[in-house]
Amino acid sequence: VALFAKTSTTVTNVANMRIKETDRITALKNEILKLGGEFIEREDSFTIIPKPSYKGVTVETYDDHRMAMSFSLAGLKIPGIIIKEYNCVSKTFPDYFKIFNKIYEV
């Protein structure tokens, strides 16, 4: 969602994001940069600076359900987003993309 804000978004005190299924801070940076976004990574925080447009890319999930779900939302506004290994959502929300597709059709 921060990709589409009017100003930059800084998330702080989240060093624990580095010890989840993947290092989520670095993973977010990698994928946002692929989109053409701007991302400032710090040890326990990060800043996302919105851009006027992004390019559709294949997004790596790092076998992390939250990466798949968050970038699927970005795909609502960025044409051409492809979520690689999207089935990783099955560990917490097996019907996520089934329900997501119903929302997308509306």
PDB file of N, CA and C in Angstrom:
ATOM      1  N   VAL A   1       0.835  -1.187   0.000  1.00  0.00           N
ATOM      2  CA  VAL A   1       0.000   0.000   0.000  1.00  0.00           C
ATOM      3  C   VAL A   1       0.881   1.252   0.000  1.00  0.00           C
ATOM      4  N   ALA A   2       2.042   1.179   0.661  1.00  0.00           N
ATOM      5  CA  ALA A   2       2.943   2.336   0.727  1.00  0.00           C
ATOM      6  C   ALA A   2       3.421   2.766  -0.656  1.00  0.00           C
ATOM      7  N   LEU A   3       3.417   1.856  -1.611  1.00  0.00           N
ATOM      8  CA  LEU A   3       3.824   2.205  -2.974  1.00  0.00           C
ATOM      9  C   LEU A   3       2.923   3.284  -3.584  1.00  0.00           C
ATOM     10  N   PHE A   4       1.702   3.389  -3.092  1.00  0.00           N
ATOM     11  CA  PHE A   4       0.715   4.286  -3.697  1.00  0.00           C
ATOM     12  C   PHE A   4       0.336   5.461  -2.796  1.00  0.00           C
ATOM     13  N   ALA A   5       1.050   5.628  -1.697  1.00  0.00           N
ATOM     14  CA  ALA A   5       0.776   6.739  -0.780  1.00  0.00           C
ATOM     15  C   ALA A   5       1.201   8.066  -1.427  1.00  0.00           C
ATOM     16  N   LYS A   6       0.770   9.155  -0.850  1.00  0.00           N
ATOM     17  CA  LYS A   6       1.143  10.478  -1.371  1.00  0.00           C
ATOM     18  C   LYS A   6       2.526  10.905  -0.888  1.00  0.00           C
ATOM     19  N   THR A   7       2.959  10.377   0.251  1.00  0.00           N
ATOM     20  CA  THR A   7       4.281  10.675   0.794  1.00  0.00           C
ATOM     21  C   THR A   7       4.964   9.369   1.180  1.00  0.00           C
ATOM     22  N   SER A   8       6.228   9.470   1.532  1.00  0.00           N
ATOM     23  CA  SER A   8       6.965   8.260   1.894  1.00  0.00           C
ATOM     24  C   SER A   8       6.417   7.657   3.188  1.00  0.00           C
ATOM     25  N   THR A   9       6.638   6.360   3.317  1.00  0.00           N
ATOM     26  CA  THR A   9       6.204   5.615   4.496  1.00  0.00           C
ATOM     27  C   THR A   9       7.430   5.003   5.147  1.00  0.00           C
ATOM     28  N   THR A  10       7.610   5.255   6.441  1.00  0.00           N
ATOM     29  CA  THR A  10       8.705   4.652   7.191  1.00  0.00           C
ATOM     30  C   THR A  10       8.121   3.715   8.241  1.00  0.00           C
ATOM     31  N   VAL A  11       8.646   2.513   8.261  1.00  0.00           N
ATOM     32  CA  VAL A  11       8.238   1.501   9.234  1.00  0.00           C
ATOM     33  C   VAL A  11       9.446   1.277  10.154  1.00  0.00           C
ATOM     34  N   THR A  12       9.244   1.425  11.462  1.00  0.00           N
ATOM     35  CA  THR A  12      10.363   1.361  12.409  1.00  0.00           C
ATOM     36  C   THR A  12      10.202   0.227  13.418  1.00  0.00           C
ATOM     37  N   ASN A  13      11.305  -0.084  14.065  1.00  0.00           N
ATOM     38  CA  ASN A  13      11.331  -1.104  15.122  1.00  0.00           C
ATOM     39  C   ASN A  13      10.847  -2.470  14.635  1.00  0.00           C
ATOM     40  N   VAL A  14      11.310  -2.871  13.463  1.00  0.00           N
ATOM     41  CA  VAL A  14      10.872  -4.140  12.880  1.00  0.00           C
ATOM     42  C   VAL A  14      12.044  -5.063  12.550  1.00  0.00           C
ATOM     43  N   ALA A  15      13.068  -5.046  13.378  1.00  0.00           N
ATOM     44  CA  ALA A  15      14.217  -5.935  13.150  1.00  0.00           C
ATOM     45  C   ALA A  15      13.777  -7.393  13.096  1.00  0.00           C
ATOM     46  N   ASN A  16      12.685  -7.724  13.789  1.00  0.00           N
ATOM     47  CA  ASN A  16      12.187  -9.107  13.773  1.00  0.00           C
ATOM     48  C   ASN A  16      11.740  -9.557  12.383  1.00  0.00           C
ATOM     49  N   MET A  17      11.509  -8.615  11.466  1.00  0.00           N
ATOM     50  CA  MET A  17      11.147  -9.003  10.092  1.00  0.00           C
ATOM     51  C   MET A  17      12.298  -9.740   9.397  1.00  0.00           C
ATOM     52  N   ARG A  18      13.485  -9.608   9.924  1.00  0.00           N
ATOM     53  CA  ARG A  18      14.655 -10.249   9.311  1.00  0.00           C
ATOM     54  C   ARG A  18      14.776 -11.731   9.671  1.00  0.00           C
ATOM     55  N   ILE A  19      13.994 -12.196  10.635  1.00  0.00           N
ATOM     56  CA  ILE A  19      14.130 -13.582  11.093  1.00  0.00           C
ATOM     57  C   ILE A  19      12.838 -14.377  10.907  1.00  0.00           C
ATOM     58  N   LYS A  20      12.065 -14.049   9.923  1.00  0.00           N
ATOM     59  CA  LYS A  20      10.836 -14.783   9.600  1.00  0.00           C
ATOM     60  C   LYS A  20      11.157 -15.817   8.527  1.00  0.00           C
ATOM     61  N   GLU A  21      10.189 -16.171   7.697  1.00  0.00           N
ATOM     62  CA  GLU A  21      10.451 -17.145   6.631  1.00  0.00           C
ATOM     63  C   GLU A  21      11.631 -16.726   5.760  1.00  0.00           C
ATOM     64  N   THR A  22      11.780 -15.432   5.625  1.00  0.00           N
ATOM     65  CA  THR A  22      12.905 -14.849   4.894  1.00  0.00           C
ATOM     66  C   THR A  22      13.260 -13.534   5.583  1.00  0.00           C
ATOM     67  N   ASP A  23      14.317 -12.927   5.187  1.00  0.00           N
ATOM     68  CA  ASP A  23      14.618 -11.567   5.661  1.00  0.00           C
ATOM     69  C   ASP A  23      13.655 -10.651   4.902  1.00  0.00           C
ATOM     70  N   ARG A  24      12.530 -10.370   5.508  1.00  0.00           N
ATOM     71  CA  ARG A  24      11.461  -9.656   4.806  1.00  0.00           C
ATOM     72  C   ARG A  24      11.838  -8.227   4.430  1.00  0.00           C
ATOM     73  N   ILE A  25      12.699  -7.596   5.174  1.00  0.00           N
ATOM     74  CA  ILE A  25      13.094  -6.231   4.813  1.00  0.00           C
ATOM     75  C   ILE A  25      13.893  -6.259   3.511  1.00  0.00           C
ATOM     76  N   THR A  26      14.881  -7.125   3.436  1.00  0.00           N
ATOM     77  CA  THR A  26      15.675  -7.226   2.208  1.00  0.00           C
ATOM     78  C   THR A  26      14.828  -7.738   1.053  1.00  0.00           C
ATOM     79  N   ALA A  27      13.937  -8.686   1.316  1.00  0.00           N
ATOM     80  CA  ALA A  27      13.069  -9.214   0.265  1.00  0.00           C
ATOM     81  C   ALA A  27      12.170  -8.114  -0.303  1.00  0.00           C
ATOM     82  N   LEU A  28      11.581  -7.310   0.576  1.00  0.00           N
ATOM     83  CA  LEU A  28      10.761  -6.186   0.111  1.00  0.00           C
ATOM     84  C   LEU A  28      11.581  -5.231  -0.750  1.00  0.00           C
ATOM     85  N   LYS A  29      12.774  -4.914  -0.284  1.00  0.00           N
ATOM     86  CA  LYS A  29      13.643  -4.013  -1.049  1.00  0.00           C
ATOM     87  C   LYS A  29      13.897  -4.586  -2.441  1.00  0.00           C
ATOM     88  N   ASN A  30      14.289  -5.855  -2.513  1.00  0.00           N
ATOM     89  CA  ASN A  30      14.588  -6.474  -3.805  1.00  0.00           C
ATOM     90  C   ASN A  30      13.416  -6.357  -4.772  1.00  0.00           C
ATOM     91  N   GLU A  31      12.227  -6.669  -4.294  1.00  0.00           N
ATOM     92  CA  GLU A  31      11.061  -6.704  -5.185  1.00  0.00           C
ATOM     93  C   GLU A  31      10.558  -5.302  -5.512  1.00  0.00           C
ATOM     94  N   ILE A  32      10.606  -4.388  -4.579  1.00  0.00           N
ATOM     95  CA  ILE A  32      10.182  -3.004  -4.857  1.00  0.00           C
ATOM     96  C   ILE A  32      11.130  -2.351  -5.858  1.00  0.00           C
ATOM     97  N   LEU A  33      12.416  -2.609  -5.722  1.00  0.00           N
ATOM     98  CA  LEU A  33      13.372  -2.068  -6.701  1.00  0.00           C
ATOM     99  C   LEU A  33      13.100  -2.634  -8.093  1.00  0.00           C
ATOM    100  N   LYS A  34      12.737  -3.915  -8.199  1.00  0.00           N
ATOM    101  CA  LYS A  34      12.404  -4.498  -9.508  1.00  0.00           C
ATOM    102  C   LYS A  34      11.216  -3.788 -10.140  1.00  0.00           C
ATOM    103  N   LEU A  35      10.264  -3.362  -9.312  1.00  0.00           N
ATOM    104  CA  LEU A  35       9.089  -2.644  -9.813  1.00  0.00           C
ATOM    105  C   LEU A  35       9.440  -1.249 -10.318  1.00  0.00           C
ATOM    106  N   GLY A  36      10.619  -0.757  -9.925  1.00  0.00           N
ATOM    107  CA  GLY A  36      11.005   0.615 -10.247  1.00  0.00           C
ATOM    108  C   GLY A  36      10.760   1.556  -9.095  1.00  0.00           C
ATOM    109  N   GLY A  37      10.517   1.007  -7.905  1.00  0.00           N
ATOM    110  CA  GLY A  37      10.273   1.815  -6.726  1.00  0.00           C
ATOM    111  C   GLY A  37      11.566   2.202  -6.028  1.00  0.00           C
ATOM    112  N   GLU A  38      11.409   2.964  -4.962  1.00  0.00           N
ATOM    113  CA  GLU A  38      12.554   3.400  -4.173  1.00  0.00           C
ATOM    114  C   GLU A  38      12.366   2.894  -2.749  1.00  0.00           C
ATOM    115  N   PHE A  39      13.423   2.315  -2.190  1.00  0.00           N
ATOM    116  CA  PHE A  39      13.361   1.666  -0.887  1.00  0.00           C
ATOM    117  C   PHE A  39      14.655   1.951  -0.145  1.00  0.00           C
ATOM    118  N   ILE A  40      14.546   2.437   1.068  1.00  0.00           N
ATOM    119  CA  ILE A  40      15.718   2.680   1.906  1.00  0.00           C
ATOM    120  C   ILE A  40      15.688   1.646   3.037  1.00  0.00           C
ATOM    121  N   GLU A  41      16.707   0.814   3.057  1.00  0.00           N
ATOM    122  CA  GLU A  41      16.795  -0.265   4.049  1.00  0.00           C
ATOM    123  C   GLU A  41      17.713   0.146   5.191  1.00  0.00           C
ATOM    124  N   ARG A  42      17.243  -0.100   6.409  1.00  0.00           N
ATOM    125  CA  ARG A  42      18.052   0.093   7.599  1.00  0.00           C
ATOM    126  C   ARG A  42      17.994  -1.190   8.431  1.00  0.00           C
ATOM    127  N   GLU A  43      18.798  -1.283   9.448  1.00  0.00           N
ATOM    128  CA  GLU A  43      18.869  -2.517  10.245  1.00  0.00           C
ATOM    129  C   GLU A  43      17.508  -2.907  10.823  1.00  0.00           C
ATOM    130  N   ASP A  44      16.797  -1.941  11.409  1.00  0.00           N
ATOM    131  CA  ASP A  44      15.517  -2.273  12.048  1.00  0.00           C
ATOM    132  C   ASP A  44      14.353  -1.435  11.524  1.00  0.00           C
ATOM    133  N   SER A  45      14.514  -0.890  10.322  1.00  0.00           N
ATOM    134  CA  SER A  45      13.447  -0.073   9.741  1.00  0.00           C
ATOM    135  C   SER A  45      13.653   0.038   8.235  1.00  0.00           C
ATOM    136  N   PHE A  46      12.658   0.615   7.576  1.00  0.00           N
ATOM    137  CA  PHE A  46      12.781   0.869   6.146  1.00  0.00           C
ATOM    138  C   PHE A  46      11.830   1.985   5.749  1.00  0.00           C
ATOM    139  N   THR A  47      12.124   2.587   4.606  1.00  0.00           N
ATOM    140  CA  THR A  47      11.282   3.636   4.052  1.00  0.00           C
ATOM    141  C   THR A  47      10.973   3.290   2.604  1.00  0.00           C
ATOM    142  N   ILE A  48       9.710   3.420   2.248  1.00  0.00           N
ATOM    143  CA  ILE A  48       9.260   3.247   0.870  1.00  0.00           C
ATOM    144  C   ILE A  48       8.854   4.627   0.357  1.00  0.00           C
ATOM    145  N   ILE A  49       9.459   5.020  -0.752  1.00  0.00           N
ATOM    146  CA  ILE A  49       9.178   6.323  -1.354  1.00  0.00           C
ATOM    147  C   ILE A  49       8.357   6.076  -2.622  1.00  0.00           C
ATOM    148  N   PRO A  50       7.098   6.512  -2.635  1.00  0.00           N
ATOM    149  CA  PRO A  50       6.242   6.222  -3.779  1.00  0.00           C
ATOM    150  C   PRO A  50       6.700   6.917  -5.062  1.00  0.00           C
ATOM    151  N   LYS A  51       6.438   6.271  -6.170  1.00  0.00           N
ATOM    152  CA  LYS A  51       6.746   6.785  -7.503  1.00  0.00           C
ATOM    153  C   LYS A  51       5.432   6.948  -8.271  1.00  0.00           C
ATOM    154  N   PRO A  52       5.437   7.751  -9.324  1.00  0.00           N
ATOM    155  CA  PRO A  52       4.197   7.946 -10.083  1.00  0.00           C
ATOM    156  C   PRO A  52       3.759   6.705 -10.857  1.00  0.00           C
ATOM    157  N   SER A  53       4.701   5.815 -11.182  1.00  0.00           N
ATOM    158  CA  SER A  53       4.323   4.596 -11.901  1.00  0.00           C
ATOM    159  C   SER A  53       5.348   3.502 -11.624  1.00  0.00           C
ATOM    160  N   TYR A  54       4.932   2.281 -11.903  1.00  0.00           N
ATOM    161  CA  TYR A  54       5.774   1.105 -11.695  1.00  0.00           C
ATOM    162  C   TYR A  54       5.643   0.199 -12.904  1.00  0.00           C
ATOM    163  N   LYS A  55       6.568  -0.742 -13.044  1.00  0.00           N
ATOM    164  CA  LYS A  55       6.482  -1.703 -14.136  1.00  0.00           C
ATOM    165  C   LYS A  55       6.093  -3.064 -13.575  1.00  0.00           C
ATOM    166  N   GLY A  56       5.305  -3.787 -14.354  1.00  0.00           N
ATOM    167  CA  GLY A  56       4.915  -5.129 -13.975  1.00  0.00           C
ATOM    168  C   GLY A  56       6.098  -6.075 -14.105  1.00  0.00           C
ATOM    169  N   VAL A  57       6.333  -6.869 -13.091  1.00  0.00           N
ATOM    170  CA  VAL A  57       7.451  -7.811 -13.071  1.00  0.00           C
ATOM    171  C   VAL A  57       6.991  -9.114 -12.427  1.00  0.00           C
ATOM    172  N   THR A  58       7.828 -10.120 -12.525  1.00  0.00           N
ATOM    173  CA  THR A  58       7.601 -11.345 -11.778  1.00  0.00           C
ATOM    174  C   THR A  58       8.199 -11.160 -10.392  1.00  0.00           C
ATOM    175  N   VAL A  59       7.366 -11.315  -9.386  1.00  0.00           N
ATOM    176  CA  VAL A  59       7.758 -11.078  -8.000  1.00  0.00           C
ATOM    177  C   VAL A  59       8.148 -12.402  -7.358  1.00  0.00           C
ATOM    178  N   GLU A  60       9.315 -12.439  -6.778  1.00  0.00           N
ATOM    179  CA  GLU A  60       9.783 -13.597  -6.022  1.00  0.00           C
ATOM    180  C   GLU A  60       9.116 -13.577  -4.651  1.00  0.00           C
ATOM    181  N   THR A  61       8.651 -14.717  -4.178  1.00  0.00           N
ATOM    182  CA  THR A  61       8.000 -14.765  -2.859  1.00  0.00           C
ATOM    183  C   THR A  61       8.941 -15.230  -1.756  1.00  0.00           C
ATOM    184  N   TYR A  62      10.065 -15.828  -2.105  1.00  0.00           N
ATOM    185  CA  TYR A  62      11.002 -16.350  -1.112  1.00  0.00           C
ATOM    186  C   TYR A  62      10.325 -17.398  -0.225  1.00  0.00           C
ATOM    187  N   ASP A  63       9.320 -18.076  -0.793  1.00  0.00           N
ATOM    188  CA  ASP A  63       8.505 -19.061  -0.074  1.00  0.00           C
ATOM    189  C   ASP A  63       7.877 -18.454   1.184  1.00  0.00           C
ATOM    190  N   ASP A  64       7.495 -17.188   1.091  1.00  0.00           N
ATOM    191  CA  ASP A  64       6.944 -16.437   2.224  1.00  0.00           C
ATOM    192  C   ASP A  64       5.539 -15.968   1.853  1.00  0.00           C
ATOM    193  N   HIS A  65       4.561 -16.474   2.570  1.00  0.00           N
ATOM    194  CA  HIS A  65       3.159 -16.174   2.304  1.00  0.00           C
ATOM    195  C   HIS A  65       2.853 -14.682   2.343  1.00  0.00           C
ATOM    196  N   ARG A  66       3.482 -13.944   3.225  1.00  0.00           N
ATOM    197  CA  ARG A  66       3.194 -12.511   3.319  1.00  0.00           C
ATOM    198  C   ARG A  66       3.722 -11.741   2.111  1.00  0.00           C
ATOM    199  N   MET A  67       4.810 -12.191   1.548  1.00  0.00           N
ATOM    200  CA  MET A  67       5.312 -11.567   0.321  1.00  0.00           C
ATOM    201  C   MET A  67       4.305 -11.781  -0.812  1.00  0.00           C
ATOM    202  N   ALA A  68       3.813 -12.991  -0.940  1.00  0.00           N
ATOM    203  CA  ALA A  68       2.847 -13.292  -2.004  1.00  0.00           C
ATOM    204  C   ALA A  68       1.585 -12.455  -1.843  1.00  0.00           C
ATOM    205  N   MET A  69       1.075 -12.393  -0.633  1.00  0.00           N
ATOM    206  CA  MET A  69      -0.173 -11.661  -0.408  1.00  0.00           C
ATOM    207  C   MET A  69       0.016 -10.152  -0.589  1.00  0.00           C
ATOM    208  N   SER A  70       1.110  -9.602  -0.090  1.00  0.00           N
ATOM    209  CA  SER A  70       1.286  -8.155  -0.198  1.00  0.00           C
ATOM    210  C   SER A  70       1.477  -7.714  -1.646  1.00  0.00           C
ATOM    211  N   PHE A  71       2.244  -8.469  -2.422  1.00  0.00           N
ATOM    212  CA  PHE A  71       2.452  -8.060  -3.808  1.00  0.00           C
ATOM    213  C   PHE A  71       1.240  -8.362  -4.691  1.00  0.00           C
ATOM    214  N   SER A  72       0.368  -9.265  -4.248  1.00  0.00           N
ATOM    215  CA  SER A  72      -0.879  -9.449  -5.005  1.00  0.00           C
ATOM    216  C   SER A  72      -1.715  -8.176  -4.921  1.00  0.00           C
ATOM    217  N   LEU A  73      -1.680  -7.507  -3.780  1.00  0.00           N
ATOM    218  CA  LEU A  73      -2.404  -6.238  -3.642  1.00  0.00           C
ATOM    219  C   LEU A  73      -1.806  -5.174  -4.545  1.00  0.00           C
ATOM    220  N   ALA A  74      -0.483  -5.136  -4.635  1.00  0.00           N
ATOM    221  CA  ALA A  74       0.159  -4.183  -5.550  1.00  0.00           C
ATOM    222  C   ALA A  74      -0.286  -4.453  -6.978  1.00  0.00           C
ATOM    223  N   GLY A  75      -0.508  -5.729  -7.290  1.00  0.00           N
ATOM    224  CA  GLY A  75      -0.958  -6.105  -8.636  1.00  0.00           C
ATOM    225  C   GLY A  75      -2.321  -5.568  -9.008  1.00  0.00           C
ATOM    226  N   LEU A  76      -3.095  -5.128  -8.035  1.00  0.00           N
ATOM    227  CA  LEU A  76      -4.385  -4.504  -8.350  1.00  0.00           C
ATOM    228  C   LEU A  76      -4.194  -3.179  -9.088  1.00  0.00           C
ATOM    229  N   LYS A  77      -3.056  -2.518  -8.856  1.00  0.00           N
ATOM    230  CA  LYS A  77      -2.795  -1.225  -9.492  1.00  0.00           C
ATOM    231  C   LYS A  77      -1.650  -1.247 -10.491  1.00  0.00           C
ATOM    232  N   ILE A  78      -0.850  -2.315 -10.458  1.00  0.00           N
ATOM    233  CA  ILE A  78       0.297  -2.408 -11.367  1.00  0.00           C
ATOM    234  C   ILE A  78       0.047  -3.546 -12.345  1.00  0.00           C
ATOM    235  N   PRO A  79      -0.262  -3.245 -13.592  1.00  0.00           N
ATOM    236  CA  PRO A  79      -0.492  -4.304 -14.568  1.00  0.00           C
ATOM    237  C   PRO A  79       0.781  -5.140 -14.785  1.00  0.00           C
ATOM    238  N   GLY A  80       0.589  -6.424 -14.963  1.00  0.00           N
ATOM    239  CA  GLY A  80       1.709  -7.290 -15.303  1.00  0.00           C
ATOM    240  C   GLY A  80       2.433  -7.924 -14.130  1.00  0.00           C
ATOM    241  N   ILE A  81       1.925  -7.749 -12.915  1.00  0.00           N
ATOM    242  CA  ILE A  81       2.542  -8.402 -11.756  1.00  0.00           C
ATOM    243  C   ILE A  81       2.248  -9.902 -11.835  1.00  0.00           C
ATOM    244  N   ILE A  82       3.287 -10.686 -11.723  1.00  0.00           N
ATOM    245  CA  ILE A  82       3.157 -12.142 -11.656  1.00  0.00           C
ATOM    246  C   ILE A  82       3.782 -12.577 -10.340  1.00  0.00           C
ATOM    247  N   ILE A  83       3.046 -13.349  -9.553  1.00  0.00           N
ATOM    248  CA  ILE A  83       3.534 -13.819  -8.262  1.00  0.00           C
ATOM    249  C   ILE A  83       4.124 -15.215  -8.456  1.00  0.00           C
ATOM    250  N   LYS A  84       5.426 -15.325  -8.301  1.00  0.00           N
ATOM    251  CA  LYS A  84       6.115 -16.604  -8.442  1.00  0.00           C
ATOM    252  C   LYS A  84       5.873 -17.447  -7.192  1.00  0.00           C
ATOM    253  N   GLU A  85       5.638 -18.737  -7.380  1.00  0.00           N
ATOM    254  CA  GLU A  85       5.419 -19.670  -6.255  1.00  0.00           C
ATOM    255  C   GLU A  85       4.342 -19.157  -5.294  1.00  0.00           C
ATOM    256  N   TYR A  86       3.223 -18.740  -5.852  1.00  0.00           N
ATOM    257  CA  TYR A  86       2.143 -18.158  -5.068  1.00  0.00           C
ATOM    258  C   TYR A  86       1.482 -19.143  -4.110  1.00  0.00           C
ATOM    259  N   ASN A  87       1.678 -20.433  -4.329  1.00  0.00           N
ATOM    260  CA  ASN A  87       1.057 -21.426  -3.456  1.00  0.00           C
ATOM    261  C   ASN A  87       1.630 -21.438  -2.046  1.00  0.00           C
ATOM    262  N   CYS A  88       2.662 -20.660  -1.788  1.00  0.00           N
ATOM    263  CA  CYS A  88       3.209 -20.575  -0.428  1.00  0.00           C
ATOM    264  C   CYS A  88       2.176 -20.029   0.554  1.00  0.00           C
ATOM    265  N   VAL A  89       1.108 -19.411   0.060  1.00  0.00           N
ATOM    266  CA  VAL A  89       0.061 -18.899   0.954  1.00  0.00           C
ATOM    267  C   VAL A  89      -0.705 -20.033   1.631  1.00  0.00           C
ATOM    268  N   SER A  90      -0.551 -21.245   1.132  1.00  0.00           N
ATOM    269  CA  SER A  90      -1.321 -22.374   1.672  1.00  0.00           C
ATOM    270  C   SER A  90      -1.025 -22.639   3.145  1.00  0.00           C
ATOM    271  N   LYS A  91       0.130 -22.221   3.640  1.00  0.00           N
ATOM    272  CA  LYS A  91       0.455 -22.488   5.048  1.00  0.00           C
ATOM    273  C   LYS A  91      -0.392 -21.675   6.016  1.00  0.00           C
ATOM    274  N   THR A  92      -0.917 -20.538   5.593  1.00  0.00           N
ATOM    275  CA  THR A  92      -1.727 -19.719   6.505  1.00  0.00           C
ATOM    276  C   THR A  92      -3.109 -19.362   5.955  1.00  0.00           C
ATOM    277  N   PHE A  93      -3.262 -19.371   4.629  1.00  0.00           N
ATOM    278  CA  PHE A  93      -4.527 -18.924   4.040  1.00  0.00           C
ATOM    279  C   PHE A  93      -4.698 -19.644   2.701  1.00  0.00           C
ATOM    280  N   PRO A  94      -5.010 -20.945   2.759  1.00  0.00           N
ATOM    281  CA  PRO A  94      -5.051 -21.753   1.529  1.00  0.00           C
ATOM    282  C   PRO A  94      -5.975 -21.207   0.436  1.00  0.00           C
ATOM    283  N   ASP A  95      -7.047 -20.528   0.814  1.00  0.00           N
ATOM    284  CA  ASP A  95      -8.008 -20.016  -0.168  1.00  0.00           C
ATOM    285  C   ASP A  95      -7.753 -18.557  -0.537  1.00  0.00           C
ATOM    286  N   TYR A  96      -6.601 -18.028  -0.170  1.00  0.00           N
ATOM    287  CA  TYR A  96      -6.336 -16.610  -0.397  1.00  0.00           C
ATOM    288  C   TYR A  96      -6.578 -16.197  -1.844  1.00  0.00           C
ATOM    289  N   PHE A  97      -5.962 -16.863  -2.789  1.00  0.00           N
ATOM    290  CA  PHE A  97      -6.088 -16.424  -4.181  1.00  0.00           C
ATOM    291  C   PHE A  97      -7.469 -16.724  -4.753  1.00  0.00           C
ATOM    292  N   LYS A  98      -8.142 -17.718  -4.242  1.00  0.00           N
ATOM    293  CA  LYS A  98      -9.522 -17.974  -4.657  1.00  0.00           C
ATOM    294  C   LYS A  98     -10.404 -16.794  -4.241  1.00  0.00           C
ATOM    295  N   ILE A  99     -10.247 -16.350  -3.008  1.00  0.00           N
ATOM    296  CA  ILE A  99     -11.019 -15.207  -2.503  1.00  0.00           C
ATOM    297  C   ILE A  99     -10.535 -13.913  -3.165  1.00  0.00           C
ATOM    298  N   PHE A 100      -9.239 -13.763  -3.304  1.00  0.00           N
ATOM    299  CA  PHE A 100      -8.675 -12.583  -3.954  1.00  0.00           C
ATOM    300  C   PHE A 100      -9.245 -12.411  -5.355  1.00  0.00           C
ATOM    301  N   ASN A 101      -9.315 -13.485  -6.109  1.00  0.00           N
ATOM    302  CA  ASN A 101      -9.847 -13.405  -7.476  1.00  0.00           C
ATOM    303  C   ASN A 101     -11.298 -12.965  -7.496  1.00  0.00           C
ATOM    304  N   LYS A 102     -12.074 -13.328  -6.495  1.00  0.00           N
ATOM    305  CA  LYS A 102     -13.462 -12.856  -6.413  1.00  0.00           C
ATOM    306  C   LYS A 102     -13.505 -11.351  -6.203  1.00  0.00           C
ATOM    307  N   ILE A 103     -12.610 -10.839  -5.373  1.00  0.00           N
ATOM    308  CA  ILE A 103     -12.539  -9.397  -5.137  1.00  0.00           C
ATOM    309  C   ILE A 103     -12.097  -8.689  -6.414  1.00  0.00           C
ATOM    310  N   TYR A 104     -11.110  -9.250  -7.064  1.00  0.00           N
ATOM    311  CA  TYR A 104     -10.549  -8.665  -8.278  1.00  0.00           C
ATOM    312  C   TYR A 104     -11.602  -8.570  -9.379  1.00  0.00           C
ATOM    313  N   GLU A 105     -12.536  -9.531  -9.427  1.00  0.00           N
ATOM    314  CA  GLU A 105     -13.569  -9.547 -10.464  1.00  0.00           C
ATOM    315  C   GLU A 105     -14.598  -8.448 -10.267  1.00  0.00           C
ATOM    316  N   VAL A 106     -14.713  -7.917  -9.059  1.00  0.00           N
ATOM    317  CA  VAL A 106     -15.733  -6.911  -8.752  1.00  0.00           C
ATOM    318  C   VAL A 106     -15.451  -5.608  -9.379  1.00  0.00           C
TER     319      VAL A 106
END
